[in-house]
C-alpha atoms as a PDB file:
ATOM      1  CA  MET A   1      15.538  -9.500 -26.350  1.00  0.00           C
ATOM      2  CA  SER A   2      12.712  -9.652 -23.794  1.00  0.00           C
ATOM      3  CA  ARG A   3      10.989  -6.500 -22.624  1.00  0.00           C
ATOM      4  CA  LEU A   4      12.501  -6.633 -19.121  1.00  0.00           C
ATOM      5  CA  ALA A   5      15.968  -7.592 -20.404  1.00  0.00           C
ATOM      6  CA  ASP A   6      15.858  -4.606 -22.741  1.00  0.00           C
ATOM      7  CA  ILE A   7      14.991  -2.291 -19.852  1.00  0.00           C
ATOM      8  CA  ARG A   8      17.920  -3.623 -17.817  1.00  0.00           C
ATOM      9  CA  ALA A   9      20.281  -3.164 -20.743  1.00  0.00           C
ATOM     10  CA  ARG A  10      19.350   0.511 -21.135  1.00  0.00           C
ATOM     11  CA  SER A  11      18.781   1.762 -17.586  1.00  0.00           C
ATOM     12  CA  ARG A  12      21.262   3.633 -15.413  1.00  0.00           C
ATOM     13  CA  LEU A  13      21.793   4.108 -11.678  1.00  0.00           C
ATOM     14  CA  SER A  14      19.854   7.367 -11.791  1.00  0.00           C
ATOM     15  CA  ASP A  15      16.829   5.458 -13.077  1.00  0.00           C
ATOM     16  CA  ILE A  16      16.828   3.308  -9.932  1.00  0.00           C
ATOM     17  CA  LEU A  17      16.668   6.427  -7.774  1.00  0.00           C
ATOM     18  CA  GLU A  18      14.063   8.281  -9.863  1.00  0.00           C
ATOM     19  CA  GLY A  19      11.332   9.736  -7.673  1.00  0.00           C
ATOM     20  CA  GLN A  20      12.874   8.491  -4.428  1.00  0.00           C
ATOM     21  CA  PRO A  21      14.038  11.889  -3.071  1.00  0.00           C
ATOM     22  CA  GLN A  22      10.433  13.050  -3.483  1.00  0.00           C
ATOM     23  CA  HIS A  23       9.248   9.829  -1.846  1.00  0.00           C
ATOM     24  CA  LEU A  24      11.521  10.441   1.139  1.00  0.00           C
ATOM     25  CA  GLY A  25      10.492  14.080   1.541  1.00  0.00           C
ATOM     26  CA  LEU A  26       6.784  13.331   1.349  1.00  0.00           C
ATOM     27  CA  ALA A  27       7.130  10.383   3.732  1.00  0.00           C
ATOM     28  CA  ILE A  28       8.792  12.623   6.314  1.00  0.00           C
ATOM     29  CA  LEU A  29       6.132  15.350   5.971  1.00  0.00           C
ATOM     30  CA  LEU A  30       3.236  12.877   6.125  1.00  0.00           C
ATOM     31  CA  THR A  31       4.699  11.144   9.173  1.00  0.00           C
ATOM     32  CA  ILE A  32       5.192  14.420  11.037  1.00  0.00           C
ATOM     33  CA  GLY A  33       1.646  15.462  10.183  1.00  0.00           C
ATOM     34  CA  ALA A  34       0.108  12.141  11.214  1.00  0.00           C
ATOM     35  CA  LEU A  35       1.965  12.027  14.525  1.00  0.00           C
ATOM     36  CA  ALA A  36       0.857  15.574  15.271  1.00  0.00           C
ATOM     37  CA  LEU A  37      -2.784  14.601  14.697  1.00  0.00           C
ATOM     38  CA  LEU A  38      -2.754  11.589  17.025  1.00  0.00           C
ATOM     39  CA  THR A  39      -4.627  12.092  20.286  1.00  0.00           C
ATOM     40  CA  THR A  40      -3.669  10.663  23.659  1.00  0.00           C
ATOM     41  CA  VAL A  41      -6.446  10.413  26.250  1.00  0.00           C
ATOM     42  CA  SER A  42      -5.664  10.387  29.969  1.00  0.00           C
ATOM     43  CA  ASP A  43      -5.775   6.886  31.472  1.00  0.00           C
ATOM     44  CA  GLU A  44      -5.772   5.481  27.937  1.00  0.00           C
ATOM     45  CA  PRO A  45      -6.501   1.720  27.976  1.00  0.00           C
ATOM     46  CA  HIS A  46      -3.977  -0.792  26.700  1.00  0.00           C
ATOM     47  CA  LEU A  47      -4.562  -3.520  24.135  1.00  0.00           C
ATOM     48  CA  PHE A  48      -1.896  -6.237  23.947  1.00  0.00           C
ATOM     49  CA  GLY A  49       0.475  -3.898  25.791  1.00  0.00           C
ATOM     50  CA  LEU A  50      -0.032  -0.777  23.664  1.00  0.00           C
ATOM     51  CA  THR A  51      -2.364   2.203  23.783  1.00  0.00           C
ATOM     52  CA  ALA A  52      -4.310   3.390  20.760  1.00  0.00           C
ATOM     53  CA  SER A  53      -1.668   5.980  19.968  1.00  0.00           C
ATOM     54  CA  GLY A  54       0.977   3.273  20.396  1.00  0.00           C
ATOM     55  CA  TRP A  55      -0.772   1.007  17.881  1.00  0.00           C
ATOM     56  CA  ALA A  56      -1.201   3.986  15.555  1.00  0.00           C
ATOM     57  CA  LYS A  57       2.538   4.606  15.611  1.00  0.00           C
ATOM     58  CA  VAL A  58       3.208   0.910  14.951  1.00  0.00           C
ATOM     59  CA  SER A  59       0.830   1.049  11.991  1.00  0.00           C
ATOM     60  CA  ILE A  60       2.512   4.143  10.592  1.00  0.00           C
ATOM     61  CA  GLY A  61       5.963   2.612  11.089  1.00  0.00           C
ATOM     62  CA  LEU A  62       5.018  -0.642   9.358  1.00  0.00           C
ATOM     63  CA  ALA A  63       3.498   1.253   6.413  1.00  0.00           C
ATOM     64  CA  LEU A  64       6.708   3.248   6.056  1.00  0.00           C
ATOM     65  CA  ALA A  65       8.839   0.103   6.199  1.00  0.00           C
ATOM     66  CA  HIS A  66       6.573  -1.682   3.731  1.00  0.00           C
ATOM     67  CA  GLN A  67       6.642   0.993   1.074  1.00  0.00           C
ATOM     68  CA  ILE A  68      10.357   1.709   1.404  1.00  0.00           C
ATOM     69  CA  ILE A  69      11.109  -2.011   1.000  1.00  0.00           C
ATOM     70  CA  VAL A  70       8.748  -2.223  -1.984  1.00  0.00           C
ATOM     71  CA  ALA A  71      10.289   0.848  -3.629  1.00  0.00           C
ATOM     72  CA  PHE A  72      13.818  -0.546  -3.470  1.00  0.00           C
ATOM     73  CA  ALA A  73      12.787  -4.101  -4.340  1.00  0.00           C
ATOM     74  CA  PHE A  74      10.774  -2.966  -7.368  1.00  0.00           C
ATOM     75  CA  ARG A  75      13.539  -0.738  -8.679  1.00  0.00           C
ATOM     76  CA  LEU A  76      16.375  -3.228  -8.124  1.00  0.00           C
ATOM     77  CA  GLN A  77      14.325  -6.017  -9.680  1.00  0.00           C
ATOM     78  CA  LEU A  78      13.176  -3.964 -12.660  1.00  0.00           C
ATOM     79  CA  HIS A  79      16.557  -2.447 -13.473  1.00  0.00           C
ATOM     80  CA  ARG A  80      19.027  -5.039 -12.153  1.00  0.00           C
ATOM     81  CA  ASN A  81      17.002  -8.277 -11.904  1.00  0.00           C
ATOM     82  CA  LEU A  82      18.349  -8.570  -8.357  1.00  0.00           C
ATOM     83  CA  LEU A  83      15.844 -10.933  -6.727  1.00  0.00           C
ATOM     84  CA  THR A  84      15.853 -13.304  -9.695  1.00  0.00           C
ATOM     85  CA  ARG A  85      19.657 -13.387  -9.845  1.00  0.00           C
ATOM     86  CA  LEU A  86      19.808 -14.126  -6.105  1.00  0.00           C
ATOM     87  CA  PHE A  87      16.933 -16.591  -5.749  1.00  0.00           C
ATOM     88  CA  GLY A  88      16.183 -17.898  -9.243  1.00  0.00           C
ATOM     89  CA  GLU A  89      12.716 -19.398  -9.704  1.00  0.00           C
ATOM     90  CA  ASN A  90      11.923 -18.775  -6.035  1.00  0.00           C
ATOM     91  CA  ASP A  91      12.168 -15.012  -6.467  1.00  0.00           C
ATOM     92  CA  MET A  92       8.429 -14.295  -6.434  1.00  0.00           C
ATOM     93  CA  ARG A  93       7.767 -16.776  -3.624  1.00  0.00           C
ATOM     94  CA  LEU A  94      10.342 -15.014  -1.471  1.00  0.00           C
ATOM     95  CA  TRP A  95       8.943 -11.628  -2.449  1.00  0.00           C
ATOM     96  CA  ALA A  96       5.411 -12.738  -1.517  1.00  0.00           C
ATOM     97  CA  ALA A  97       6.711 -13.942   1.874  1.00  0.00           C
ATOM     98  CA  ILE A  98       8.104 -10.446   2.509  1.00  0.00           C
ATOM     99  CA  PHE A  99       5.280  -8.421   0.968  1.00  0.00           C
ATOM    100  CA  LEU A 100       2.126 -10.148   2.200  1.00  0.00           C
ATOM    101  CA  PRO A 101       2.750  -9.982   5.988  1.00  0.00           C
ATOM    102  CA  PHE A 102       3.237  -6.221   5.722  1.00  0.00           C
ATOM    103  CA  LEU A 103       0.022  -5.981   3.699  1.00  0.00           C
ATOM    104  CA  VAL A 104      -1.982  -8.019   6.224  1.00  0.00           C
ATOM    105  CA  ALA A 105      -0.580  -5.906   9.075  1.00  0.00           C
ATOM    106  CA  ARG A 106      -2.148  -2.745   7.629  1.00  0.00           C
ATOM    107  CA  PRO A 107      -5.815  -3.485   8.497  1.00  0.00           C
ATOM    108  CA  ILE A 108      -4.891  -5.435  11.635  1.00  0.00           C
ATOM    109  CA  THR A 109      -2.997  -2.511  13.174  1.00  0.00           C
ATOM    110  CA  VAL A 110      -5.832  -0.131  12.238  1.00  0.00           C
ATOM    111  CA  ILE A 111      -8.266  -2.518  13.955  1.00  0.00           C
ATOM    112  CA  PHE A 112      -6.093  -2.636  17.077  1.00  0.00           C
ATOM    113  CA  THR A 113      -5.815   1.156  17.063  1.00  0.00           C
ATOM    114  CA  GLY A 114      -9.587   1.541  16.846  1.00  0.00           C
ATOM    115  CA  TRP A 115     -10.234  -1.193  19.399  1.00  0.00           C
ATOM    116  CA  ALA A 116      -8.041   0.474  22.029  1.00  0.00           C
ATOM    117  CA  ASP A 117      -9.083   4.043  21.223  1.00  0.00           C
ATOM    118  CA  THR A 118     -11.370   6.192  23.356  1.00  0.00           C
ATOM    119  CA  ALA A 119     -10.921   9.378  21.308  1.00  0.00           C
ATOM    120  CA  PRO A 120     -14.098   9.711  19.189  1.00  0.00           C
ATOM    121  CA  ILE A 121     -14.430  10.971  15.626  1.00  0.00           C
ATOM    122  CA  THR A 122     -17.820  12.661  16.019  1.00  0.00           C
ATOM    123  CA  GLY A 123     -19.612  10.759  18.773  1.00  0.00           C
ATOM    124  CA  ALA A 124     -22.546  10.177  16.398  1.00  0.00           C
ATOM    125  CA  ARG A 125     -22.279   6.415  16.306  1.00  0.00           C
ATOM    126  CA  LEU A 126     -25.111   5.477  13.928  1.00  0.00           C
ATOM    127  CA  PRO A 127     -23.883   7.625  11.013  1.00  0.00           C
ATOM    128  CA  GLU A 128     -20.300   6.503  11.677  1.00  0.00           C
ATOM    129  CA  VAL A 129     -21.303   2.823  11.600  1.00  0.00           C
ATOM    130  CA  LEU A 130     -23.306   3.275   8.399  1.00  0.00           C
ATOM    131  CA  VAL A 131     -20.401   5.055   6.712  1.00  0.00           C
ATOM    132  CA  GLY A 132     -18.008   2.402   8.001  1.00  0.00           C
ATOM    133  CA  LEU A 133     -20.109  -0.493   6.718  1.00  0.00           C
ATOM    134  CA  THR A 134     -20.435   1.154   3.306  1.00  0.00           C
ATOM    135  CA  LEU A 135     -16.691   1.735   2.981  1.00  0.00           C
ATOM    136  CA  VAL A 136     -15.819  -1.785   4.134  1.00  0.00           C
ATOM    137  CA  ALA A 137     -18.321  -3.254   1.654  1.00  0.00           C
ATOM    138  CA  VAL A 138     -16.815  -1.237  -1.191  1.00  0.00           C
ATOM    139  CA  ALA A 139     -13.326  -2.326  -0.114  1.00  0.00           C
ATOM    140  CA  VAL A 140     -14.368  -6.003  -0.036  1.00  0.00           C
ATOM    141  CA  TRP A 141     -15.674  -5.602  -3.591  1.00  0.00           C
ATOM    142  CA  GLY A 142     -12.369  -4.051  -4.592  1.00  0.00           C
ATOM    143  CA  MET A 143     -10.415  -6.860  -2.937  1.00  0.00           C
ATOM    144  CA  HIS A 144     -12.559  -9.491  -4.654  1.00  0.00           C
ATOM    145  CA  SER A 145     -11.896  -7.780  -7.995  1.00  0.00           C
ATOM    146  CA  THR A 146      -8.172  -7.729  -7.242  1.00  0.00           C
ATOM    147  CA  LEU A 147      -8.025 -11.416  -6.326  1.00  0.00           C
ATOM    148  CA  VAL A 148     -10.260 -12.684  -9.141  1.00  0.00           C
ATOM    149  CA  HIS A 149      -9.572 -10.339 -12.052  1.00  0.00           C
ATOM    150  CA  PHE A 150      -6.205  -8.707 -11.351  1.00  0.00           C
ATOM    151  CA  THR A 151      -4.660 -11.712  -9.519  1.00  0.00           C
ATOM    152  CA  ILE A 152      -2.113 -11.849  -6.718  1.00  0.00           C
ATOM    153  CA  PRO A 153       1.000 -12.226  -8.948  1.00  0.00           C
ATOM    154  CA  ARG A 154       0.185  -8.928 -10.671  1.00  0.00           C
ATOM    155  CA  ALA A 155      -0.653  -7.264  -7.354  1.00  0.00           C
ATOM    156  CA  LEU A 156       2.762  -8.302  -6.052  1.00  0.00           C
ATOM    157  CA  GLY A 157       4.422  -6.465  -8.931  1.00  0.00           C
ATOM    158  CA  GLY A 158       4.908  -9.526 -11.094  1.00  0.00           C
ATOM    159  CA  ASP A 159       5.415  -7.338 -14.151  1.00  0.00           C
ATOM    160  CA  HIS A 160       8.803  -6.428 -12.631  1.00  0.00           C
ATOM    161  CA  PHE A 161       9.734 -10.142 -12.615  1.00  0.00           C
ATOM    162  CA  ARG A 162       8.183 -11.883 -15.628  1.00  0.00           C
ATOM    163  CA  ASP A 163       7.670 -10.820 -19.239  1.00  0.00           C
ATOM    164  CA  ASP A 164       4.491 -12.901 -19.533  1.00  0.00           C
ATOM    165  CA  ILE A 165       2.933 -10.987 -16.631  1.00  0.00           C
ATOM    166  CA  ALA A 166       4.024  -7.647 -18.095  1.00  0.00           C
ATOM    167  CA  ALA A 167       2.412  -8.655 -21.401  1.00  0.00           C
ATOM    168  CA  MET A 168      -1.017  -9.336 -19.850  1.00  0.00           C
ATOM    169  CA  PRO A 169      -3.832  -6.988 -20.960  1.00  0.00           C
ATOM    170  CA  LEU A 170      -5.291  -4.288 -18.739  1.00  0.00           C
ATOM    171  CA  VAL A 171      -8.050  -5.418 -16.384  1.00  0.00           C
ATOM    172  CA  ASN A 172     -11.450  -3.783 -16.913  1.00  0.00           C
ATOM    173  CA  ARG A 173     -13.748  -6.012 -14.871  1.00  0.00           C
ATOM    174  CA  GLY A 174     -15.199  -5.616 -11.384  1.00  0.00           C
ATOM    175  CA  ALA A 175     -13.900  -2.553  -9.572  1.00  0.00           C
ATOM    176  CA  PHE A 176     -11.340  -2.096 -12.341  1.00  0.00           C
ATOM    177  CA  ALA A 177     -14.198  -1.137 -14.664  1.00  0.00           C
ATOM    178  CA  VAL A 178     -14.686   1.936 -12.466  1.00  0.00           C
ATOM    179  CA  THR A 179     -11.050   2.831 -11.828  1.00  0.00           C
ATOM    180  CA  SER A 180      -7.830   1.554 -13.351  1.00  0.00           C
ATOM    181  CA  ASN A 181      -6.288   1.358  -9.876  1.00  0.00           C
ATOM    182  CA  ALA A 182      -8.908  -0.354  -7.736  1.00  0.00           C
ATOM    183  CA  MET A 183      -6.278  -1.531  -5.243  1.00  0.00           C
ATOM    184  CA  TYR A 184      -5.339   1.968  -4.126  1.00  0.00           C
ATOM    185  CA  GLY A 185      -8.528   3.812  -5.017  1.00  0.00           C
ATOM    186  CA  VAL A 186     -11.044   1.296  -3.645  1.00  0.00           C
ATOM    187  CA  VAL A 187      -9.460  -1.356  -1.392  1.00  0.00           C
ATOM    188  CA  PHE A 188      -7.777   1.208   0.868  1.00  0.00           C
ATOM    189  CA  LEU A 189     -11.198   2.695   1.645  1.00  0.00           C
ATOM    190  CA  GLY A 190     -11.579  -0.301   3.951  1.00  0.00           C
ATOM    191  CA  LEU A 191      -9.104   1.275   6.375  1.00  0.00           C
ATOM    192  CA  TRP A 192     -11.341   4.338   6.601  1.00  0.00           C
ATOM    193  CA  GLY A 193     -14.306   2.013   7.099  1.00  0.00           C
ATOM    194  CA  ILE A 194     -12.599   0.292  10.042  1.00  0.00           C
ATOM    195  CA  ALA A 195     -11.937   3.661  11.668  1.00  0.00           C
ATOM    196  CA  PHE A 196     -15.573   4.726  11.304  1.00  0.00           C
ATOM    197  CA  LEU A 197     -16.861   1.384  12.595  1.00  0.00           C
ATOM    198  CA  PHE A 198     -14.835   1.857  15.768  1.00  0.00           C
ATOM    199  CA  GLY A 199     -15.582   5.599  15.889  1.00  0.00           C
ATOM    200  CA  SER A 200     -11.847   6.049  16.445  1.00  0.00           C
ATOM    201  CA  TRP A 201     -10.054   9.314  15.761  1.00  0.00           C
ATOM    202  CA  ASN A 202      -6.596   7.748  15.931  1.00  0.00           C
ATOM    203  CA  ALA A 203      -7.583   4.944  13.541  1.00  0.00           C
ATOM    204  CA  LEU A 204      -8.925   7.605  11.161  1.00  0.00           C
ATOM    205  CA  VAL A 205      -5.565   9.400  11.261  1.00  0.00           C
ATOM    206  CA  VAL A 206      -3.791   6.120  10.442  1.00  0.00           C
ATOM    207  CA  ALA A 207      -6.220   5.357   7.605  1.00  0.00           C
ATOM    208  CA  PHE A 208      -5.627   8.837   6.188  1.00  0.00           C
ATOM    209  CA  PHE A 209      -1.855   8.407   6.447  1.00  0.00           C
ATOM    210  CA  GLN A 210      -1.850   4.977   4.807  1.00  0.00           C
ATOM    211  CA  HIS A 211      -4.143   6.022   1.967  1.00  0.00           C
ATOM    212  CA  VAL A 212      -2.224   9.184   1.132  1.00  0.00           C
ATOM    213  CA  TYR A 213       1.132   7.431   1.468  1.00  0.00           C
ATOM    214  CA  ILE A 214       0.156   4.627  -0.934  1.00  0.00           C
ATOM    215  CA  TRP A 215      -0.489   7.308  -3.566  1.00  0.00           C
ATOM    216  CA  VAL A 216       2.981   8.719  -2.869  1.00  0.00           C
ATOM    217  CA  HIS A 217       4.271   5.239  -3.725  1.00  0.00           C
ATOM    218  CA  MET A 218       2.115   5.226  -6.840  1.00  0.00           C
ATOM    219  CA  TYR A 219       3.425   8.502  -8.225  1.00  0.00           C
ATOM    220  CA  CYS A 220       7.031   8.326  -7.038  1.00  0.00           C
ATOM    221  CA  THR A 221       7.776   4.641  -7.672  1.00  0.00           C
ATOM    222  CA  GLU A 222       5.145   2.858  -9.726  1.00  0.00           C
ATOM    223  CA  THR A 223       4.431   5.566 -12.293  1.00  0.00           C
ATOM    224  CA  PRO A 224       8.088   5.772 -13.471  1.00  0.00           C
ATOM    225  CA  ASP A 225       8.225   1.962 -13.473  1.00  0.00           C
ATOM    226  CA  MET A 226       5.093   1.764 -15.622  1.00  0.00           C
ATOM    227  CA  GLU A 227       6.679   4.191 -18.075  1.00  0.00           C
ATOM    228  CA  TRP A 228       9.579   1.760 -18.468  1.00  0.00           C
ATOM    229  CA  ILE A 229       7.407  -1.327 -18.792  1.00  0.00           C
ATOM    230  CA  TYR A 230       4.417  -0.008 -20.737  1.00  0.00           C
ATOM    231  CA  GLY A 231       5.007   3.633 -21.699  1.00  0.00           C
ATOM    232  CA  ASP A 232       7.292   5.757 -23.840  1.00  0.00           C
ATOM    233  CA  ARG A 233      10.463   4.369 -22.280  1.00  0.00           C
ATOM    234  CA  ALA A 234       9.478   0.787 -23.118  1.00  0.00           C
ATOM    235  CA  THR A 235      10.867   1.187 -26.639  1.00  0.00           C
END
């Protein structure tokens, strides 16, 4: 029996829901905190019909939608093979079509937030720009490492779909030589970099929210999944 088929034969409904009450509670607390930190300036300019705080709320909402969809898709695929049973060989293509637009929207909505924002972080533009450029450069390195060494199929959660992807060795090249999770630990620093480049308080709040919330996903959804695929529960 394949590794994934064995997991599906042994798992229960409670395994699908593992970590998700914590995910929900932390998502609510983080959202309340982020919304409370957003700043609205009088006569705030509009960009494509929304103010900076409006774009910040869109960014937060899309991040919430993205990670909730990913949590349920990962669990239902891992434990019930749902996407493959519904869409056959097109399962990962369909999943990429859902996943990637949400991923691309993350930096774009942070950019729009910063572009429209007039609420400064510190007002010291030169240090902010230098910090921003450094963080963006590090994030680009992390993204290059993800694309070249980790690959997009693995980044999409391909180990939930295919045994051959789950059987691939750990990546220890590029940014992954520094941290085992370069996607969350390094690439997401680019959102902070965008905020500093614009000197935008509201973009900084969104970057903080997105970076903390992706680690909620890591510990509440991915860590239990990795235990099933690679850890003690794999046997």
